[in-house]
Amino acid sequence: MYRRWGKRAFDLAGAALALALAAPLLALLALAVLAVLGRPVLFRQARIGSGGVPFTLLKFRSMVAGPGEDAARLGRFGRALRASGLDELPQLLNVLRGEMSLVGPRPLPVEYLPRFTPAQAARHAVRPGLAGLAQAAGRNAVPWERRLALDAEYARGPSFGGDLALLARSLWLVLRGRGVAAPGHATMPRLGE
């Protein structure tokens, strides 16, 4: 029962409350991004949603626009924004729209869809989330194979108590600034690299 109706009610209540409480912070972050990086303030990218259906993910922009490696485009401001996890706050709107959940596998770029094994594709049985089993295990420091296995494991049986625990563990990692990037990378290497 939680998986269907209870999880959605939890998502709506949690996202609405978080947005209301974070509204002043969201406004300040938007102004900071505008001042440091210019327009657009939000980064939009097609990501894989529940059932493999694409949706547009929202984030505060953290990189300088243009070509080049992530490490070169990610300045001091962008690194701090990512380390804090505050760049992800606009995804609360994705949660309200029903494209994401507070807890679930992190949504990956649409171009990754053909790269999943059938076992890994099981991660798409649930809505993607702001936090998940792989994030609680170490965020981007978790290697791809392990990360996708954890995502598929979560999709087999989300629970209310489990979701609360995953939110708390993920928040603890974010507050400690852990797992922001994979070892030796500015962010996360692309799947298959």
N, C-alpha and C. Protein backbone atom coordinates (compact mmCIF):
# COMPACT_ATOMS: atom_id res chain seq x y z
N MET A 1 0.83 -1.20 0.00
CA MET A 1 0.00 0.00 0.00
C MET A 1 0.87 1.27 0.00
N TYR A 2 1.96 1.24 0.81
CA TYR A 2 2.85 2.41 0.86
C TYR A 2 3.41 2.71 -0.52
N ARG A 3 3.81 1.66 -1.24
CA ARG A 3 4.47 1.84 -2.52
C ARG A 3 3.63 2.67 -3.49
N ARG A 4 2.32 2.52 -3.46
CA ARG A 4 1.49 3.22 -4.41
C ARG A 4 0.98 4.56 -3.86
N TRP A 5 0.09 4.52 -2.87
CA TRP A 5 -0.56 5.75 -2.41
C TRP A 5 0.20 6.45 -1.30
N GLY A 6 0.71 5.68 -0.36
CA GLY A 6 1.39 6.29 0.77
C GLY A 6 2.66 7.01 0.36
N LYS A 7 3.41 6.43 -0.55
CA LYS A 7 4.67 7.05 -1.00
C LYS A 7 4.38 8.36 -1.71
N ARG A 8 3.35 8.40 -2.52
CA ARG A 8 3.02 9.65 -3.24
C ARG A 8 2.56 10.73 -2.26
N ALA A 9 1.75 10.35 -1.27
CA ALA A 9 1.30 11.31 -0.26
C ALA A 9 2.50 11.85 0.53
N PHE A 10 3.43 10.95 0.89
CA PHE A 10 4.66 11.35 1.59
C PHE A 10 5.46 12.32 0.74
N ASP A 11 5.58 12.02 -0.57
CA ASP A 11 6.31 12.89 -1.49
C ASP A 11 5.68 14.27 -1.57
N LEU A 12 4.37 14.32 -1.75
CA LEU A 12 3.69 15.61 -1.88
C LEU A 12 3.83 16.44 -0.62
N ALA A 13 3.57 15.83 0.53
CA ALA A 13 3.66 16.57 1.79
C ALA A 13 5.09 17.02 2.06
N GLY A 14 6.05 16.12 1.87
CA GLY A 14 7.45 16.45 2.13
C GLY A 14 7.99 17.52 1.20
N ALA A 15 7.68 17.40 -0.10
CA ALA A 15 8.18 18.38 -1.08
C ALA A 15 7.54 19.75 -0.86
N ALA A 16 6.23 19.77 -0.59
CA ALA A 16 5.55 21.05 -0.36
C ALA A 16 6.11 21.74 0.87
N LEU A 17 6.31 20.99 1.96
CA LEU A 17 6.86 21.57 3.18
C LEU A 17 8.29 22.05 2.96
N ALA A 18 9.10 21.24 2.30
CA ALA A 18 10.49 21.62 2.04
C ALA A 18 10.57 22.87 1.17
N LEU A 19 9.73 22.95 0.15
CA LEU A 19 9.73 24.14 -0.71
C LEU A 19 9.30 25.39 0.06
N ALA A 20 8.29 25.24 0.91
CA ALA A 20 7.83 26.39 1.70
C ALA A 20 8.93 26.88 2.64
N LEU A 21 9.60 25.93 3.31
CA LEU A 21 10.65 26.31 4.25
C LEU A 21 11.90 26.84 3.55
N ALA A 22 12.17 26.31 2.36
CA ALA A 22 13.40 26.68 1.64
C ALA A 22 13.22 27.84 0.66
N ALA A 23 12.03 28.41 0.57
CA ALA A 23 11.77 29.46 -0.42
C ALA A 23 12.78 30.62 -0.33
N PRO A 24 13.07 31.16 0.86
CA PRO A 24 14.07 32.25 0.91
C PRO A 24 15.46 31.78 0.43
N LEU A 25 15.84 30.58 0.81
CA LEU A 25 17.13 30.03 0.39
C LEU A 25 17.16 29.82 -1.12
N LEU A 26 16.08 29.33 -1.70
CA LEU A 26 15.99 29.14 -3.15
C LEU A 26 16.18 30.47 -3.88
N ALA A 27 15.55 31.51 -3.35
CA ALA A 27 15.67 32.84 -3.97
C ALA A 27 17.12 33.34 -3.90
N LEU A 28 17.77 33.16 -2.75
CA LEU A 28 19.17 33.58 -2.60
C LEU A 28 20.09 32.79 -3.52
N LEU A 29 19.86 31.48 -3.61
CA LEU A 29 20.68 30.65 -4.49
C LEU A 29 20.50 31.06 -5.95
N ALA A 30 19.27 31.34 -6.35
CA ALA A 30 19.01 31.77 -7.73
C ALA A 30 19.76 33.06 -8.03
N LEU A 31 19.74 34.00 -7.09
CA LEU A 31 20.47 35.26 -7.28
C LEU A 31 21.98 35.03 -7.33
N ALA A 32 22.47 34.12 -6.50
CA ALA A 32 23.91 33.82 -6.50
C ALA A 32 24.34 33.19 -7.81
N VAL A 33 23.56 32.24 -8.32
CA VAL A 33 23.88 31.60 -9.60
C VAL A 33 23.85 32.65 -10.71
N LEU A 34 22.85 33.52 -10.69
CA LEU A 34 22.74 34.57 -11.70
C LEU A 34 23.96 35.50 -11.65
N ALA A 35 24.37 35.87 -10.45
CA ALA A 35 25.51 36.78 -10.29
C ALA A 35 26.83 36.13 -10.72
N VAL A 36 27.03 34.86 -10.39
CA VAL A 36 28.31 34.21 -10.65
C VAL A 36 28.38 33.59 -12.04
N LEU A 37 27.31 32.92 -12.46
CA LEU A 37 27.33 32.18 -13.72
C LEU A 37 26.46 32.77 -14.83
N GLY A 38 25.58 33.70 -14.46
CA GLY A 38 24.69 34.29 -15.46
C GLY A 38 23.50 33.40 -15.77
N ARG A 39 22.87 33.70 -16.87
CA ARG A 39 21.69 32.94 -17.29
C ARG A 39 22.10 31.76 -18.14
N PRO A 40 21.33 30.69 -18.13
CA PRO A 40 20.15 30.44 -17.31
C PRO A 40 20.55 30.02 -15.90
N VAL A 41 19.66 30.27 -14.96
CA VAL A 41 19.91 29.93 -13.56
C VAL A 41 19.71 28.43 -13.35
N LEU A 42 18.73 27.87 -14.04
CA LEU A 42 18.44 26.45 -13.89
C LEU A 42 19.05 25.64 -15.03
N PHE A 43 19.56 24.49 -14.67
CA PHE A 43 20.05 23.50 -15.63
C PHE A 43 18.91 22.53 -15.85
N ARG A 44 18.59 22.27 -17.11
CA ARG A 44 17.53 21.33 -17.45
C ARG A 44 18.13 20.23 -18.31
N GLN A 45 17.78 18.98 -18.00
CA GLN A 45 18.30 17.87 -18.77
C GLN A 45 17.28 16.74 -18.80
N ALA A 46 17.15 16.08 -19.95
CA ALA A 46 16.26 14.92 -20.05
C ALA A 46 16.87 13.78 -19.25
N ARG A 47 16.07 13.22 -18.35
CA ARG A 47 16.50 12.10 -17.52
C ARG A 47 15.47 10.98 -17.62
N ILE A 48 15.89 9.78 -17.21
CA ILE A 48 15.03 8.61 -17.28
C ILE A 48 14.14 8.57 -16.05
N GLY A 49 12.83 8.51 -16.29
CA GLY A 49 11.88 8.43 -15.20
C GLY A 49 11.33 7.03 -15.01
N SER A 50 10.29 6.93 -14.22
CA SER A 50 9.64 5.65 -13.96
C SER A 50 9.17 5.02 -15.26
N GLY A 51 9.39 3.71 -15.40
CA GLY A 51 9.00 3.01 -16.61
C GLY A 51 9.87 3.35 -17.81
N GLY A 52 10.99 4.06 -17.59
CA GLY A 52 11.87 4.45 -18.68
C GLY A 52 11.38 5.66 -19.46
N VAL A 53 10.34 6.33 -18.96
CA VAL A 53 9.78 7.51 -19.64
C VAL A 53 10.60 8.75 -19.26
N PRO A 54 11.08 9.51 -20.25
CA PRO A 54 11.91 10.69 -19.96
C PRO A 54 11.10 11.83 -19.33
N PHE A 55 11.81 12.64 -18.55
CA PHE A 55 11.25 13.88 -18.01
C PHE A 55 12.40 14.88 -17.94
N THR A 56 12.07 16.15 -17.69
CA THR A 56 13.09 17.19 -17.62
C THR A 56 13.45 17.46 -16.16
N LEU A 57 14.67 17.13 -15.80
CA LEU A 57 15.18 17.33 -14.45
C LEU A 57 15.62 18.78 -14.29
N LEU A 58 15.37 19.35 -13.12
CA LEU A 58 15.77 20.72 -12.82
C LEU A 58 16.85 20.74 -11.74
N LYS A 59 17.86 21.57 -11.92
CA LYS A 59 18.92 21.78 -10.94
C LYS A 59 19.37 23.23 -11.06
N PHE A 60 19.97 23.75 -9.99
CA PHE A 60 20.66 25.03 -10.14
C PHE A 60 21.92 24.77 -10.95
N ARG A 61 22.21 25.67 -11.86
CA ARG A 61 23.40 25.51 -12.70
C ARG A 61 24.65 25.69 -11.85
N SER A 62 25.64 24.82 -12.07
CA SER A 62 26.86 24.88 -11.27
C SER A 62 28.12 24.98 -12.14
N MET A 63 27.95 24.93 -13.45
CA MET A 63 29.10 24.98 -14.36
C MET A 63 29.00 26.16 -15.31
N VAL A 64 30.15 26.63 -15.74
CA VAL A 64 30.22 27.65 -16.77
C VAL A 64 29.71 27.03 -18.07
N ALA A 65 28.92 27.78 -18.80
CA ALA A 65 28.38 27.28 -20.07
C ALA A 65 29.49 27.11 -21.09
N GLY A 66 29.30 26.15 -22.00
CA GLY A 66 30.25 25.96 -23.08
C GLY A 66 30.88 24.59 -23.08
N PRO A 67 31.72 24.34 -24.09
CA PRO A 67 32.36 23.02 -24.19
C PRO A 67 33.48 22.86 -23.18
N GLY A 68 33.92 21.64 -23.03
CA GLY A 68 35.06 21.37 -22.16
C GLY A 68 34.74 20.34 -21.10
N GLU A 69 35.78 19.88 -20.44
CA GLU A 69 35.64 18.90 -19.38
C GLU A 69 34.94 19.52 -18.17
N ASP A 70 34.23 18.67 -17.42
CA ASP A 70 33.54 19.14 -16.22
C ASP A 70 34.49 19.84 -15.26
N ALA A 71 35.68 19.27 -15.06
CA ALA A 71 36.63 19.83 -14.11
C ALA A 71 36.99 21.27 -14.45
N ALA A 72 37.10 21.57 -15.75
CA ALA A 72 37.46 22.92 -16.19
C ALA A 72 36.28 23.89 -16.08
N ARG A 73 35.07 23.37 -16.23
CA ARG A 73 33.87 24.22 -16.21
C ARG A 73 33.28 24.40 -14.82
N LEU A 74 33.75 23.60 -13.86
CA LEU A 74 33.23 23.63 -12.51
C LEU A 74 34.17 24.44 -11.62
N GLY A 75 33.84 25.69 -11.38
CA GLY A 75 34.69 26.57 -10.58
C GLY A 75 34.44 26.39 -9.09
N ARG A 76 35.03 27.29 -8.31
CA ARG A 76 34.91 27.22 -6.85
C ARG A 76 33.44 27.31 -6.40
N PHE A 77 32.69 28.23 -7.00
CA PHE A 77 31.28 28.39 -6.64
C PHE A 77 30.51 27.10 -6.94
N GLY A 78 30.71 26.55 -8.14
CA GLY A 78 30.01 25.33 -8.53
C GLY A 78 30.35 24.15 -7.65
N ARG A 79 31.63 24.04 -7.28
CA ARG A 79 32.04 22.94 -6.39
C ARG A 79 31.37 23.05 -5.03
N ALA A 80 31.31 24.27 -4.50
CA ALA A 80 30.67 24.48 -3.20
C ALA A 80 29.17 24.20 -3.28
N LEU A 81 28.54 24.62 -4.37
CA LEU A 81 27.12 24.39 -4.54
C LEU A 81 26.82 22.89 -4.60
N ARG A 82 27.62 22.15 -5.35
CA ARG A 82 27.43 20.70 -5.45
C ARG A 82 27.74 19.99 -4.14
N ALA A 83 28.80 20.40 -3.47
CA ALA A 83 29.17 19.75 -2.21
C ALA A 83 28.06 19.91 -1.18
N SER A 84 27.39 21.06 -1.20
CA SER A 84 26.31 21.32 -0.25
C SER A 84 25.03 20.57 -0.61
N GLY A 85 24.91 20.12 -1.87
CA GLY A 85 23.69 19.47 -2.32
C GLY A 85 22.57 20.44 -2.63
N LEU A 86 22.82 21.73 -2.44
CA LEU A 86 21.78 22.74 -2.66
C LEU A 86 21.41 22.90 -4.13
N ASP A 87 22.30 22.47 -5.04
CA ASP A 87 21.99 22.55 -6.46
C ASP A 87 20.81 21.66 -6.83
N GLU A 88 20.51 20.66 -5.97
CA GLU A 88 19.44 19.70 -6.23
C GLU A 88 18.06 20.20 -5.78
N LEU A 89 17.99 21.27 -5.00
CA LEU A 89 16.72 21.72 -4.44
C LEU A 89 15.60 21.95 -5.47
N PRO A 90 15.88 22.46 -6.68
CA PRO A 90 14.78 22.62 -7.64
C PRO A 90 14.08 21.31 -8.01
N GLN A 91 14.71 20.18 -7.71
CA GLN A 91 14.07 18.90 -8.01
C GLN A 91 12.86 18.65 -7.12
N LEU A 92 12.68 19.45 -6.08
CA LEU A 92 11.45 19.37 -5.29
C LEU A 92 10.25 19.66 -6.18
N LEU A 93 10.45 20.51 -7.21
CA LEU A 93 9.37 20.76 -8.18
C LEU A 93 9.10 19.51 -9.01
N ASN A 94 10.16 18.77 -9.37
CA ASN A 94 9.97 17.50 -10.07
C ASN A 94 9.17 16.52 -9.22
N VAL A 95 9.40 16.56 -7.90
CA VAL A 95 8.65 15.68 -6.99
C VAL A 95 7.18 16.09 -6.98
N LEU A 96 6.90 17.38 -6.85
CA LEU A 96 5.51 17.85 -6.84
C LEU A 96 4.79 17.49 -8.14
N ARG A 97 5.51 17.54 -9.25
CA ARG A 97 4.89 17.22 -10.55
C ARG A 97 4.72 15.72 -10.76
N GLY A 98 5.23 14.91 -9.85
CA GLY A 98 5.06 13.46 -9.96
C GLY A 98 6.09 12.79 -10.83
N GLU A 99 7.14 13.51 -11.23
CA GLU A 99 8.19 12.95 -12.07
C GLU A 99 9.26 12.25 -11.23
N MET A 100 9.36 12.69 -9.97
CA MET A 100 10.35 12.15 -9.06
C MET A 100 9.69 11.88 -7.72
N SER A 101 10.44 11.19 -6.87
CA SER A 101 10.04 10.91 -5.49
C SER A 101 11.11 11.51 -4.58
N LEU A 102 10.80 11.65 -3.31
CA LEU A 102 11.85 12.09 -2.38
C LEU A 102 12.93 11.02 -2.27
N VAL A 103 12.52 9.75 -2.33
CA VAL A 103 13.47 8.64 -2.24
C VAL A 103 13.28 7.70 -3.41
N GLY A 104 14.37 7.36 -4.06
CA GLY A 104 14.36 6.45 -5.20
C GLY A 104 15.71 6.52 -5.89
N PRO A 105 15.96 5.70 -6.88
CA PRO A 105 17.23 5.78 -7.61
C PRO A 105 17.41 7.15 -8.25
N ARG A 106 18.62 7.68 -8.23
CA ARG A 106 18.86 8.98 -8.87
C ARG A 106 18.56 8.86 -10.36
N PRO A 107 17.89 9.87 -10.93
CA PRO A 107 17.57 9.83 -12.36
C PRO A 107 18.83 10.04 -13.21
N LEU A 108 19.01 9.19 -14.19
CA LEU A 108 20.19 9.24 -15.04
C LEU A 108 19.83 9.78 -16.42
N PRO A 109 20.83 10.28 -17.17
CA PRO A 109 20.57 10.81 -18.50
C PRO A 109 19.92 9.77 -19.43
N VAL A 110 19.05 10.24 -20.30
CA VAL A 110 18.32 9.37 -21.23
C VAL A 110 19.26 8.55 -22.09
N GLU A 111 20.41 9.08 -22.43
CA GLU A 111 21.36 8.36 -23.29
C GLU A 111 21.86 7.07 -22.66
N TYR A 112 21.70 6.91 -21.34
CA TYR A 112 22.14 5.70 -20.66
C TYR A 112 21.16 4.54 -20.82
N LEU A 113 19.93 4.83 -21.22
CA LEU A 113 18.88 3.81 -21.26
C LEU A 113 19.27 2.52 -21.96
N PRO A 114 19.89 2.56 -23.15
CA PRO A 114 20.24 1.30 -23.81
C PRO A 114 21.42 0.56 -23.16
N ARG A 115 22.09 1.18 -22.21
CA ARG A 115 23.29 0.57 -21.60
C ARG A 115 22.98 -0.35 -20.42
N PHE A 116 21.74 -0.32 -19.91
CA PHE A 116 21.40 -1.11 -18.74
C PHE A 116 21.16 -2.57 -19.09
N THR A 117 21.63 -3.45 -18.22
CA THR A 117 21.26 -4.87 -18.33
C THR A 117 19.81 -4.98 -17.86
N PRO A 118 19.12 -6.08 -18.16
CA PRO A 118 17.76 -6.23 -17.64
C PRO A 118 17.68 -6.10 -16.11
N ALA A 119 18.67 -6.65 -15.41
CA ALA A 119 18.66 -6.55 -13.94
C ALA A 119 18.80 -5.09 -13.50
N GLN A 120 19.66 -4.32 -14.17
CA GLN A 120 19.85 -2.91 -13.82
C GLN A 120 18.64 -2.07 -14.18
N ALA A 121 17.97 -2.43 -15.28
CA ALA A 121 16.79 -1.67 -15.72
C ALA A 121 15.64 -1.79 -14.74
N ALA A 122 15.71 -2.74 -13.81
CA ALA A 122 14.67 -2.88 -12.78
C ALA A 122 14.56 -1.62 -11.93
N ARG A 123 15.60 -0.79 -11.92
CA ARG A 123 15.59 0.47 -11.18
C ARG A 123 14.49 1.40 -11.65
N HIS A 124 14.00 1.20 -12.89
CA HIS A 124 12.98 2.08 -13.45
C HIS A 124 11.56 1.66 -13.08
N ALA A 125 11.42 0.67 -12.19
CA ALA A 125 10.10 0.24 -11.73
C ALA A 125 9.51 1.24 -10.74
N VAL A 126 10.34 2.15 -10.22
CA VAL A 126 9.88 3.17 -9.28
C VAL A 126 10.29 4.55 -9.80
N ARG A 127 9.67 5.58 -9.24
CA ARG A 127 10.08 6.94 -9.62
C ARG A 127 11.51 7.19 -9.14
N PRO A 128 12.29 7.92 -9.93
CA PRO A 128 13.63 8.31 -9.45
C PRO A 128 13.47 9.27 -8.28
N GLY A 129 14.53 9.40 -7.47
CA GLY A 129 14.41 10.21 -6.27
C GLY A 129 15.56 11.17 -6.04
N LEU A 130 15.34 12.03 -5.06
CA LEU A 130 16.38 12.96 -4.61
C LEU A 130 17.45 12.21 -3.84
N ALA A 131 17.04 11.21 -3.08
CA ALA A 131 17.95 10.39 -2.29
C ALA A 131 17.60 8.94 -2.55
N GLY A 132 18.56 8.06 -2.36
CA GLY A 132 18.30 6.65 -2.60
C GLY A 132 19.30 5.77 -1.89
N LEU A 133 19.18 4.49 -2.10
CA LEU A 133 20.07 3.52 -1.46
C LEU A 133 21.52 3.75 -1.86
N ALA A 134 21.77 4.03 -3.15
CA ALA A 134 23.14 4.27 -3.61
C ALA A 134 23.69 5.59 -3.03
N GLN A 135 22.84 6.61 -2.89
CA GLN A 135 23.30 7.88 -2.32
C GLN A 135 23.65 7.69 -0.85
N ALA A 136 22.84 6.92 -0.15
CA ALA A 136 23.10 6.68 1.27
C ALA A 136 24.37 5.84 1.47
N ALA A 137 24.74 5.09 0.44
CA ALA A 137 25.94 4.25 0.51
C ALA A 137 27.21 5.04 0.18
N GLY A 138 27.07 6.28 -0.31
CA GLY A 138 28.27 7.07 -0.60
C GLY A 138 28.15 8.03 -1.76
N ARG A 139 26.94 8.29 -2.24
CA ARG A 139 26.72 9.23 -3.34
C ARG A 139 27.55 8.85 -4.57
N ASN A 140 28.23 9.81 -5.16
CA ASN A 140 28.98 9.56 -6.40
C ASN A 140 30.27 8.76 -6.20
N ALA A 141 30.65 8.52 -4.96
CA ALA A 141 31.84 7.72 -4.70
C ALA A 141 31.57 6.22 -4.90
N VAL A 142 30.30 5.85 -5.03
CA VAL A 142 29.94 4.44 -5.25
C VAL A 142 30.13 4.12 -6.73
N PRO A 143 30.91 3.07 -7.08
CA PRO A 143 31.12 2.72 -8.49
C PRO A 143 29.81 2.35 -9.18
N TRP A 144 29.78 2.53 -10.49
CA TRP A 144 28.56 2.33 -11.27
C TRP A 144 27.90 0.97 -11.05
N GLU A 145 28.66 -0.10 -11.12
CA GLU A 145 28.07 -1.44 -11.01
C GLU A 145 27.35 -1.61 -9.67
N ARG A 146 27.99 -1.18 -8.60
CA ARG A 146 27.39 -1.28 -7.26
C ARG A 146 26.19 -0.34 -7.15
N ARG A 147 26.33 0.84 -7.69
CA ARG A 147 25.26 1.84 -7.63
C ARG A 147 23.99 1.32 -8.31
N LEU A 148 24.13 0.76 -9.50
CA LEU A 148 22.97 0.26 -10.24
C LEU A 148 22.36 -0.96 -9.55
N ALA A 149 23.20 -1.79 -8.91
CA ALA A 149 22.68 -2.94 -8.15
C ALA A 149 21.87 -2.47 -6.95
N LEU A 150 22.36 -1.43 -6.26
CA LEU A 150 21.62 -0.88 -5.12
C LEU A 150 20.30 -0.26 -5.57
N ASP A 151 20.31 0.41 -6.72
CA ASP A 151 19.08 1.01 -7.25
C ASP A 151 18.03 -0.06 -7.53
N ALA A 152 18.45 -1.17 -8.16
CA ALA A 152 17.53 -2.26 -8.47
C ALA A 152 17.02 -2.91 -7.18
N GLU A 153 17.89 -3.02 -6.19
CA GLU A 153 17.49 -3.58 -4.89
C GLU A 153 16.41 -2.71 -4.25
N TYR A 154 16.60 -1.40 -4.27
CA TYR A 154 15.60 -0.49 -3.70
C TYR A 154 14.26 -0.64 -4.42
N ALA A 155 14.30 -0.74 -5.74
CA ALA A 155 13.06 -0.80 -6.52
C ALA A 155 12.21 -2.03 -6.19
N ARG A 156 12.84 -3.07 -5.64
CA ARG A 156 12.10 -4.28 -5.30
C ARG A 156 11.20 -4.11 -4.08
N GLY A 157 11.47 -3.14 -3.22
CA GLY A 157 10.63 -3.05 -2.02
C GLY A 157 10.78 -1.82 -1.18
N PRO A 158 10.40 -0.64 -1.69
CA PRO A 158 10.46 0.55 -0.84
C PRO A 158 9.48 0.45 0.33
N SER A 159 9.86 1.07 1.45
CA SER A 159 8.98 1.10 2.62
C SER A 159 9.09 2.47 3.27
N PHE A 160 8.09 2.83 4.05
CA PHE A 160 8.08 4.14 4.70
C PHE A 160 9.27 4.29 5.65
N GLY A 161 9.47 3.30 6.52
CA GLY A 161 10.60 3.36 7.45
C GLY A 161 11.93 3.38 6.73
N GLY A 162 12.04 2.58 5.66
CA GLY A 162 13.27 2.55 4.87
C GLY A 162 13.52 3.88 4.20
N ASP A 163 12.46 4.50 3.67
CA ASP A 163 12.62 5.80 3.02
C ASP A 163 13.08 6.87 4.00
N LEU A 164 12.51 6.87 5.21
CA LEU A 164 12.94 7.84 6.22
C LEU A 164 14.41 7.64 6.57
N ALA A 165 14.82 6.39 6.72
CA ALA A 165 16.22 6.10 7.05
C ALA A 165 17.15 6.53 5.91
N LEU A 166 16.75 6.29 4.66
CA LEU A 166 17.58 6.67 3.52
C LEU A 166 17.69 8.19 3.40
N LEU A 167 16.60 8.91 3.65
CA LEU A 167 16.66 10.38 3.64
C LEU A 167 17.63 10.87 4.70
N ALA A 168 17.56 10.31 5.89
CA ALA A 168 18.44 10.74 6.98
C ALA A 168 19.90 10.43 6.66
N ARG A 169 20.19 9.22 6.17
CA ARG A 169 21.57 8.85 5.85
C ARG A 169 22.12 9.70 4.71
N SER A 170 21.29 9.95 3.69
CA SER A 170 21.73 10.77 2.56
C SER A 170 22.00 12.21 3.01
N LEU A 171 21.11 12.75 3.83
CA LEU A 171 21.29 14.11 4.34
C LEU A 171 22.57 14.21 5.16
N TRP A 172 22.87 13.19 5.95
CA TRP A 172 24.09 13.18 6.76
C TRP A 172 25.32 13.24 5.86
N LEU A 173 25.32 12.47 4.77
CA LEU A 173 26.46 12.50 3.83
C LEU A 173 26.60 13.86 3.18
N VAL A 174 25.47 14.47 2.79
CA VAL A 174 25.50 15.79 2.16
C VAL A 174 26.04 16.82 3.14
N LEU A 175 25.56 16.79 4.37
CA LEU A 175 26.02 17.76 5.37
C LEU A 175 27.51 17.61 5.65
N ARG A 176 28.03 16.40 5.53
CA ARG A 176 29.45 16.16 5.74
C ARG A 176 30.26 16.41 4.47
N GLY A 177 29.58 16.67 3.34
CA GLY A 177 30.28 16.93 2.08
C GLY A 177 30.94 15.70 1.50
N ARG A 178 30.44 14.51 1.82
CA ARG A 178 31.05 13.26 1.38
C ARG A 178 30.42 12.76 0.09
N GLY A 179 31.24 12.14 -0.75
CA GLY A 179 30.75 11.47 -1.95
C GLY A 179 30.30 12.37 -3.08
N VAL A 180 30.71 13.63 -3.08
CA VAL A 180 30.29 14.58 -4.11
C VAL A 180 30.78 14.13 -5.48
N ALA A 181 32.01 13.61 -5.52
CA ALA A 181 32.61 13.20 -6.79
C ALA A 181 33.20 11.80 -6.65
N ALA A 182 33.27 11.12 -7.78
CA ALA A 182 33.95 9.83 -7.80
C ALA A 182 35.44 10.07 -7.66
N PRO A 183 36.17 9.15 -7.02
CA PRO A 183 37.62 9.34 -6.87
C PRO A 183 38.29 9.59 -8.22
N GLY A 184 39.08 10.68 -8.29
CA GLY A 184 39.80 11.02 -9.51
C GLY A 184 38.98 11.76 -10.55
N HIS A 185 37.75 12.17 -10.20
CA HIS A 185 36.87 12.88 -11.14
C HIS A 185 36.31 14.13 -10.49
N ALA A 186 35.94 15.11 -11.33
CA ALA A 186 35.33 16.33 -10.83
C ALA A 186 33.89 16.08 -10.41
N THR A 187 33.22 15.16 -11.07
CA THR A 187 31.85 14.79 -10.75
C THR A 187 31.75 13.27 -10.71
N MET A 188 31.05 12.69 -11.67
CA MET A 188 30.91 11.25 -11.79
C MET A 188 31.28 10.86 -13.21
N PRO A 189 32.09 9.83 -13.41
CA PRO A 189 32.38 9.43 -14.79
C PRO A 189 31.10 8.95 -15.47
N ARG A 190 31.07 9.06 -16.77
CA ARG A 190 29.90 8.62 -17.52
C ARG A 190 29.78 7.11 -17.44
N LEU A 191 28.59 6.61 -17.45
CA LEU A 191 28.35 5.17 -17.40
C LEU A 191 29.03 4.50 -18.58
N GLY A 192 29.84 3.48 -18.30
CA GLY A 192 30.53 2.76 -19.36
C GLY A 192 31.94 3.25 -19.62
N GLU A 193 32.35 4.32 -18.94
CA GLU A 193 33.72 4.85 -19.15
C GLU A 193 34.68 4.24 -18.16
